[in-house]
Amino acid sequence: MFDKMNLGEMGKIFEGLQEQAQKLQTEIAAREYTVKTGGGMVKVTICGSGEVIDVDIADTLLEDKSSLQILLIAAFNDANKMVEDAKKQSALNLFGGMNPFSQR
């Protein structure tokens, strides 16, 4: 597979991929992801680096601590999954649809 490609060319290809990966990582970190749980009673917004930016809680939940806790946990988990899925999709796009994470 690599017998006709010299190491200099391979190095340039890998440098290009590394630059593209860094650019994608920066773009993802700048994006915002918002999820709603409990029919919109809890809304959480995080950035692509996983930092929580905003939390909005319906006033009706303020008196129901256990429901609020459950909905917050679900919202944070969903938001983090959304970021991870975006990272995976970006990686797949970087490799042109070739899945580097799959086992052959």
C-alpha atoms as a PDB file:
ATOM      1  CA  MET A   1       0.000   0.000   0.000  1.00  0.00           C
ATOM      2  CA  PHE A   2       2.754   2.462   0.915  1.00  0.00           C
ATOM      3  CA  ASP A   3       5.499   0.996  -1.269  1.00  0.00           C
ATOM      4  CA  LYS A   4       5.204   3.722  -3.932  1.00  0.00           C
ATOM      5  CA  MET A   5       4.914   6.602  -1.479  1.00  0.00           C
ATOM      6  CA  ASN A   6       8.061   8.033   0.062  1.00  0.00           C
ATOM      7  CA  LEU A   7       8.303   9.007   3.710  1.00  0.00           C
ATOM      8  CA  GLY A   8       8.462  12.731   2.895  1.00  0.00           C
ATOM      9  CA  GLU A   9       5.098  12.559   1.155  1.00  0.00           C
ATOM     10  CA  MET A  10       3.615  10.587   4.027  1.00  0.00           C
ATOM     11  CA  GLY A  11       4.941  13.179   6.486  1.00  0.00           C
ATOM     12  CA  LYS A  12       3.258  15.971   4.537  1.00  0.00           C
ATOM     13  CA  ILE A  13      -0.015  14.050   4.478  1.00  0.00           C
ATOM     14  CA  PHE A  14       0.127  13.478   8.234  1.00  0.00           C
ATOM     15  CA  GLU A  15       0.997  17.145   8.855  1.00  0.00           C
ATOM     16  CA  GLY A  16      -2.010  18.165   6.790  1.00  0.00           C
ATOM     17  CA  LEU A  17      -4.258  15.806   8.712  1.00  0.00           C
ATOM     18  CA  GLN A  18      -2.893  17.121  11.992  1.00  0.00           C
ATOM     19  CA  GLU A  19      -3.606  20.715  10.939  1.00  0.00           C
ATOM     20  CA  GLN A  20      -7.127  19.785   9.865  1.00  0.00           C
ATOM     21  CA  ALA A  21      -7.722  17.933  13.142  1.00  0.00           C
ATOM     22  CA  GLN A  22      -6.562  20.964  15.147  1.00  0.00           C
ATOM     23  CA  LYS A  23      -8.852  23.232  13.116  1.00  0.00           C
ATOM     24  CA  LEU A  24     -11.808  20.892  13.698  1.00  0.00           C
ATOM     25  CA  GLN A  25     -11.060  20.744  17.416  1.00  0.00           C
ATOM     26  CA  THR A  26     -11.068  24.547  17.605  1.00  0.00           C
ATOM     27  CA  GLU A  27     -14.310  24.759  15.630  1.00  0.00           C
ATOM     28  CA  ILE A  28     -16.024  22.185  17.850  1.00  0.00           C
ATOM     29  CA  ALA A  29     -14.870  23.948  21.020  1.00  0.00           C
ATOM     30  CA  ALA A  30     -16.458  27.171  19.746  1.00  0.00           C
ATOM     31  CA  ARG A  31     -19.841  25.547  19.014  1.00  0.00           C
ATOM     32  CA  GLU A  32     -22.712  25.562  21.465  1.00  0.00           C
ATOM     33  CA  TYR A  33     -24.957  22.578  22.084  1.00  0.00           C
ATOM     34  CA  THR A  34     -28.342  22.906  23.789  1.00  0.00           C
ATOM     35  CA  VAL A  35     -30.504  20.101  25.122  1.00  0.00           C
ATOM     36  CA  LYS A  36     -33.877  20.117  26.817  1.00  0.00           C
ATOM     37  CA  THR A  37     -35.238  17.536  29.243  1.00  0.00           C
ATOM     38  CA  GLY A  38     -38.548  17.137  30.985  1.00  0.00           C
ATOM     39  CA  GLY A  39     -40.470  18.571  28.074  1.00  0.00           C
ATOM     40  CA  GLY A  40     -38.322  21.704  28.126  1.00  0.00           C
ATOM     41  CA  MET A  41     -38.469  22.219  31.876  1.00  0.00           C
ATOM     42  CA  VAL A  42     -34.656  22.040  32.031  1.00  0.00           C
ATOM     43  CA  LYS A  43     -32.431  23.443  29.302  1.00  0.00           C
ATOM     44  CA  VAL A  44     -28.637  23.097  29.361  1.00  0.00           C
ATOM     45  CA  THR A  45     -26.204  24.712  26.952  1.00  0.00           C
ATOM     46  CA  ILE A  46     -22.568  23.629  26.776  1.00  0.00           C
ATOM     47  CA  CYS A  47     -19.715  24.475  24.453  1.00  0.00           C
ATOM     48  CA  GLY A  48     -17.789  21.913  22.453  1.00  0.00           C
ATOM     49  CA  SER A  49     -15.081  21.707  25.091  1.00  0.00           C
ATOM     50  CA  GLY A  50     -17.712  20.482  27.567  1.00  0.00           C
ATOM     51  CA  GLU A  51     -17.970  23.660  29.633  1.00  0.00           C
ATOM     52  CA  VAL A  52     -21.491  24.471  30.819  1.00  0.00           C
ATOM     53  CA  ILE A  53     -22.533  27.866  29.475  1.00  0.00           C
ATOM     54  CA  ASP A  54     -26.129  28.151  30.648  1.00  0.00           C
ATOM     55  CA  VAL A  55     -28.751  26.298  32.667  1.00  0.00           C
ATOM     56  CA  ASP A  56     -32.409  27.277  32.521  1.00  0.00           C
ATOM     57  CA  ILE A  57     -34.842  25.702  34.983  1.00  0.00           C
ATOM     58  CA  ALA A  58     -38.621  26.114  34.970  1.00  0.00           C
ATOM     59  CA  ASP A  59     -39.901  27.715  38.152  1.00  0.00           C
ATOM     60  CA  THR A  60     -42.263  24.790  38.722  1.00  0.00           C
ATOM     61  CA  LEU A  61     -39.290  22.489  39.304  1.00  0.00           C
ATOM     62  CA  LEU A  62     -37.786  24.558  42.097  1.00  0.00           C
ATOM     63  CA  GLU A  63     -40.018  22.890  44.669  1.00  0.00           C
ATOM     64  CA  ASP A  64     -39.349  19.330  43.437  1.00  0.00           C
ATOM     65  CA  LYS A  65     -35.700  18.673  44.226  1.00  0.00           C
ATOM     66  CA  SER A  66     -35.598  15.010  43.180  1.00  0.00           C
ATOM     67  CA  SER A  67     -37.185  15.669  39.765  1.00  0.00           C
ATOM     68  CA  LEU A  68     -34.861  18.617  39.243  1.00  0.00           C
ATOM     69  CA  GLN A  69     -31.832  16.459  40.024  1.00  0.00           C
ATOM     70  CA  ILE A  70     -32.947  13.724  37.630  1.00  0.00           C
ATOM     71  CA  LEU A  71     -33.629  16.186  34.816  1.00  0.00           C
ATOM     72  CA  LEU A  72     -30.320  18.002  35.338  1.00  0.00           C
ATOM     73  CA  ILE A  73     -28.372  14.745  35.231  1.00  0.00           C
ATOM     74  CA  ALA A  74     -30.192  13.708  32.061  1.00  0.00           C
ATOM     75  CA  ALA A  75     -29.587  17.100  30.435  1.00  0.00           C
ATOM     76  CA  PHE A  76     -25.873  17.128  31.263  1.00  0.00           C
ATOM     77  CA  ASN A  77     -25.444  13.554  30.025  1.00  0.00           C
ATOM     78  CA  ASP A  78     -27.347  14.281  26.797  1.00  0.00           C
ATOM     79  CA  ALA A  79     -25.336  17.450  26.178  1.00  0.00           C
ATOM     80  CA  ASN A  80     -22.019  15.645  26.708  1.00  0.00           C
ATOM     81  CA  LYS A  81     -23.121  12.851  24.377  1.00  0.00           C
ATOM     82  CA  MET A  82     -24.035  15.444  21.762  1.00  0.00           C
ATOM     83  CA  VAL A  83     -20.521  16.930  21.947  1.00  0.00           C
ATOM     84  CA  GLU A  84     -18.875  13.495  21.729  1.00  0.00           C
ATOM     85  CA  ASP A  85     -21.026  12.556  18.734  1.00  0.00           C
ATOM     86  CA  ALA A  86     -20.038  15.813  17.008  1.00  0.00           C
ATOM     87  CA  LYS A  87     -16.356  15.053  17.638  1.00  0.00           C
ATOM     88  CA  LYS A  88     -16.713  11.541  16.225  1.00  0.00           C
ATOM     89  CA  GLN A  89     -18.565  12.805  13.170  1.00  0.00           C
ATOM     90  CA  SER A  90     -15.893  15.441  12.558  1.00  0.00           C
ATOM     91  CA  ALA A  91     -13.192  12.774  12.811  1.00  0.00           C
ATOM     92  CA  LEU A  92     -15.047  10.602  10.311  1.00  0.00           C
ATOM     93  CA  ASN A  93     -15.350  13.559   7.947  1.00  0.00           C
ATOM     94  CA  LEU A  94     -11.627  14.255   8.351  1.00  0.00           C
ATOM     95  CA  PHE A  95     -10.843  10.734   7.200  1.00  0.00           C
ATOM     96  CA  GLY A  96     -13.246  11.000   4.284  1.00  0.00           C
ATOM     97  CA  GLY A  97     -15.803   8.616   5.705  1.00  0.00           C
ATOM     98  CA  MET A  98     -13.188   5.981   6.481  1.00  0.00           C
ATOM     99  CA  ASN A  99     -13.792   4.943  10.083  1.00  0.00           C
ATOM    100  CA  PRO A 100     -10.427   4.916  11.900  1.00  0.00           C
ATOM    101  CA  PHE A 101     -12.170   3.642  15.052  1.00  0.00           C
ATOM    102  CA  SER A 102     -13.490   0.416  13.563  1.00  0.00           C
ATOM    103  CA  GLN A 103     -11.723  -2.886  14.013  1.00  0.00           C
ATOM    104  CA  ARG A 104     -11.051  -4.968  10.934  1.00  0.00           C
END
